[in-house]
């Protein structure tokens, strides 16, 4: 796939290590792919450029060096490898959410089989589902190339979670005599 990339080259002081940890987390959060130590890429998009400019400013605040280069053209083989690496990373993240969503469904099934849920328990389940949905949105925001089946599986599982929770909410509301 022929496309322009954003290239970020960084050098961060070795100490304190929190600066390097910040950089690693920030780049992971936006889905950057490392070409080598201190060199990473993202597809050239306005939101990617804005995120990398913010990271560049923080690296410089740390006393490090950061160079952001737009319009980089990678060789086709390297571009394909970066895309594959990105898809693999997103698929692994989606798989992690899928596991959590399956555990959520099992938890709801187990709890509703053994007893009726109180409103406080229902509220906790709603918060848990919102966390899963927020996590999925975060991954989708850095899924530049589409992780395919893994993303579709998570969407379907989260839909099942929402449906299961809606059923529990309806039962609980009826039992508690409140409106849903």
Protein backbone atom coordinates (compact mmCIF):
# COMPACT_ATOMS: atom_id res chain seq x y z
CA UNK A 1 0.00 0.00 0.00
CA UNK A 2 1.57 3.26 -1.13
CA UNK A 3 0.86 6.03 1.33
CA UNK A 4 2.63 8.87 3.12
CA UNK A 5 3.80 8.33 6.68
CA UNK A 6 4.71 10.50 9.63
CA UNK A 7 8.14 9.64 10.99
CA UNK A 8 9.09 10.54 14.56
CA UNK A 9 12.71 10.32 15.64
CA UNK A 10 13.35 10.71 19.37
CA UNK A 11 16.17 10.71 21.86
CA UNK A 12 15.10 10.82 25.49
CA UNK A 13 17.44 11.05 28.48
CA UNK A 14 17.97 7.66 30.14
CA UNK A 15 17.12 9.05 33.55
CA UNK A 16 14.69 9.44 35.03
CA UNK A 17 13.11 6.39 33.43
CA UNK A 18 9.61 7.86 33.78
CA UNK A 19 10.34 10.05 30.75
CA UNK A 20 11.06 7.04 28.56
CA UNK A 21 8.03 5.27 30.01
CA UNK A 22 5.83 8.27 29.21
CA UNK A 23 7.05 8.28 25.61
CA UNK A 24 6.51 4.55 25.21
CA UNK A 25 2.95 4.75 26.64
CA UNK A 26 2.04 7.82 24.59
CA UNK A 27 3.23 6.22 21.34
CA UNK A 28 1.49 2.94 22.17
CA UNK A 29 -1.73 4.82 22.94
CA UNK A 30 -1.84 6.29 19.44
CA UNK A 31 -0.75 3.07 17.72
CA UNK A 32 2.69 4.10 16.53
CA UNK A 33 4.89 1.35 15.10
CA UNK A 34 8.60 1.35 15.88
CA UNK A 35 10.96 0.94 12.94
CA UNK A 36 13.86 0.79 15.36
CA UNK A 37 14.76 2.20 18.76
CA UNK A 38 13.76 5.87 18.82
CA UNK A 39 12.14 5.82 15.36
CA UNK A 40 8.43 5.24 14.83
CA UNK A 41 5.80 5.82 12.17
CA UNK A 42 2.11 6.46 11.81
CA UNK A 43 0.00 6.92 8.70
CA UNK A 44 -0.07 10.58 7.74
CA UNK A 45 -3.39 11.91 9.01
CA UNK A 46 -4.24 15.15 10.75
CA UNK A 47 -5.14 13.47 14.05
CA UNK A 48 -1.88 11.47 13.96
CA UNK A 49 0.12 14.61 13.21
CA UNK A 50 -1.54 16.48 16.07
CA UNK A 51 -0.82 13.65 18.51
CA UNK A 52 2.81 13.39 17.39
CA UNK A 53 3.29 17.18 17.67
CA UNK A 54 2.06 16.97 21.27
CA UNK A 55 4.45 14.11 22.01
CA UNK A 56 7.29 16.01 20.31
CA UNK A 57 6.68 19.01 22.58
CA UNK A 58 6.71 16.77 25.69
CA UNK A 59 9.96 15.09 24.64
CA UNK A 60 11.55 18.51 24.25
CA UNK A 61 10.18 19.56 27.67
CA UNK A 62 11.97 16.49 29.06
CA UNK A 63 15.24 17.76 27.66
CA UNK A 64 15.19 15.22 24.85
CA UNK A 65 15.19 15.68 21.11
CA UNK A 66 12.34 14.95 18.73
CA UNK A 67 12.05 15.39 15.00
CA UNK A 68 8.73 14.91 13.23
CA UNK A 69 8.89 14.42 9.47
CA UNK A 70 5.76 14.39 7.29
CA UNK A 71 5.35 12.96 3.83
CA UNK A 72 7.70 10.01 4.28
CA UNK A 73 7.39 7.27 1.66
CA UNK A 74 8.47 3.86 2.84
CA UNK A 75 9.46 1.12 0.42
CA UNK A 76 6.47 -1.11 -0.38
CA UNK A 77 7.85 -4.08 1.55
CA UNK A 78 8.54 -2.00 4.64
CA UNK A 79 5.15 -0.32 4.43
CA UNK A 80 3.46 -3.72 4.19
CA UNK A 81 5.43 -4.94 7.22
CA UNK A 82 4.44 -1.88 9.27
CA UNK A 83 0.78 -2.33 8.32
CA UNK A 84 0.94 -6.03 9.24
CA UNK A 85 2.60 -5.19 12.57
CA UNK A 86 -0.10 -2.62 13.31
CA UNK A 87 -2.90 -5.04 12.42
CA UNK A 88 -1.34 -7.74 14.59
CA UNK A 89 -1.06 -5.37 17.54
CA UNK A 90 -4.68 -4.23 17.19
CA UNK A 91 -5.91 -7.81 16.78
CA UNK A 92 -4.15 -8.73 20.04
CA UNK A 93 -5.80 -5.79 21.78
CA UNK A 94 -9.20 -6.75 20.38
CA UNK A 95 -8.62 -10.33 21.53
CA UNK A 96 -7.93 -9.06 25.03
CA UNK A 97 -11.21 -7.12 25.06
CA UNK A 98 -13.03 -10.16 23.64
CA UNK A 99 -11.78 -12.22 26.56
CA UNK A 100 -12.95 -9.57 29.02
CA UNK A 101 -16.34 -9.34 27.28
CA UNK A 102 -16.75 -13.11 27.47
CA UNK A 103 -15.89 -12.99 31.18
CA UNK A 104 -18.44 -10.18 31.60
CA UNK A 105 -21.15 -12.29 29.92
CA UNK A 106 -20.25 -15.27 32.09
CA UNK A 107 -20.32 -13.09 35.21
CA UNK A 108 -23.78 -11.73 34.32
CA UNK A 109 -25.04 -15.26 33.61
CA UNK A 110 -23.61 -16.59 36.87
CA UNK A 111 -24.92 -13.70 38.98
CA UNK A 112 -28.41 -13.77 37.50
CA UNK A 113 -28.60 -17.56 37.82
CA UNK A 114 -27.80 -17.51 41.53
CA UNK A 115 -29.68 -14.43 42.69
CA UNK A 116 -31.47 -11.26 41.70
CA UNK A 117 -29.18 -8.29 41.32
CA UNK A 118 -29.59 -5.22 43.49
CA UNK A 119 -29.46 -1.79 41.87
CA UNK A 120 -25.94 -1.26 43.21
CA UNK A 121 -24.77 -4.47 41.50
CA UNK A 122 -26.50 -3.41 38.30
CA UNK A 123 -24.77 -0.04 38.47
CA UNK A 124 -21.40 -1.78 38.84
CA UNK A 125 -22.13 -3.95 35.80
CA UNK A 126 -23.11 -0.86 33.79
CA UNK A 127 -19.80 0.77 34.75
CA UNK A 128 -17.91 -2.38 33.78
CA UNK A 129 -19.60 -2.47 30.38
CA UNK A 130 -18.85 1.22 29.82
CA UNK A 131 -15.17 0.52 30.54
CA UNK A 132 -15.16 -2.24 27.93
CA UNK A 133 -16.88 0.02 25.39
CA UNK A 134 -14.46 2.87 26.11
CA UNK A 135 -11.53 0.48 25.72
CA UNK A 136 -12.89 -0.68 22.35
CA UNK A 137 -13.28 2.95 21.20
CA UNK A 138 -9.67 3.65 22.18
CA UNK A 139 -8.46 0.70 20.13
CA UNK A 140 -10.63 1.66 17.15
CA UNK A 141 -9.08 5.13 17.25
CA UNK A 142 -5.64 3.61 16.56
CA UNK A 143 -6.82 0.83 14.25
CA UNK A 144 -5.62 2.59 11.10
CA UNK A 145 -5.69 -0.44 8.83
CA UNK A 146 -8.55 -2.52 10.18
CA UNK A 147 -8.00 -5.64 12.23
CA UNK A 148 -10.88 -7.34 10.43
CA UNK A 149 -12.43 -10.32 12.17
CA UNK A 150 -11.02 -9.41 15.60
CA UNK A 151 -12.78 -6.03 15.55
CA UNK A 152 -16.04 -7.55 14.29
CA UNK A 153 -15.90 -10.17 17.05
CA UNK A 154 -15.49 -7.48 19.72
CA UNK A 155 -18.36 -5.46 18.30
CA UNK A 156 -20.61 -8.53 18.36
CA UNK A 157 -19.55 -9.45 21.91
CA UNK A 158 -20.10 -5.93 23.20
CA UNK A 159 -23.54 -5.92 21.57
CA UNK A 160 -24.29 -9.19 23.40
CA UNK A 161 -23.04 -7.65 26.65
CA UNK A 162 -25.29 -4.62 26.18
CA UNK A 163 -28.29 -6.83 25.38
CA UNK A 164 -27.67 -9.05 28.42
CA UNK A 165 -27.32 -6.01 30.64
CA UNK A 166 -30.49 -4.43 29.21
CA UNK A 167 -32.40 -7.60 30.09
CA UNK A 168 -31.00 -7.58 33.63
CA UNK A 169 -31.76 -3.86 33.94
CA UNK A 170 -35.36 -4.46 32.85
CA UNK A 171 -35.82 -7.34 35.33
CA UNK A 172 -34.21 -5.37 38.15
CA UNK A 173 -36.26 -2.26 37.44
CA UNK A 174 -39.48 -4.29 37.37
CA UNK A 175 -38.57 -6.00 40.61
CA UNK A 176 -37.51 -2.76 42.30
CA UNK A 177 -40.60 -0.99 40.95
CA UNK A 178 -38.58 1.73 39.20
CA UNK A 179 -38.62 3.00 35.65
CA UNK A 180 -35.76 1.93 33.43
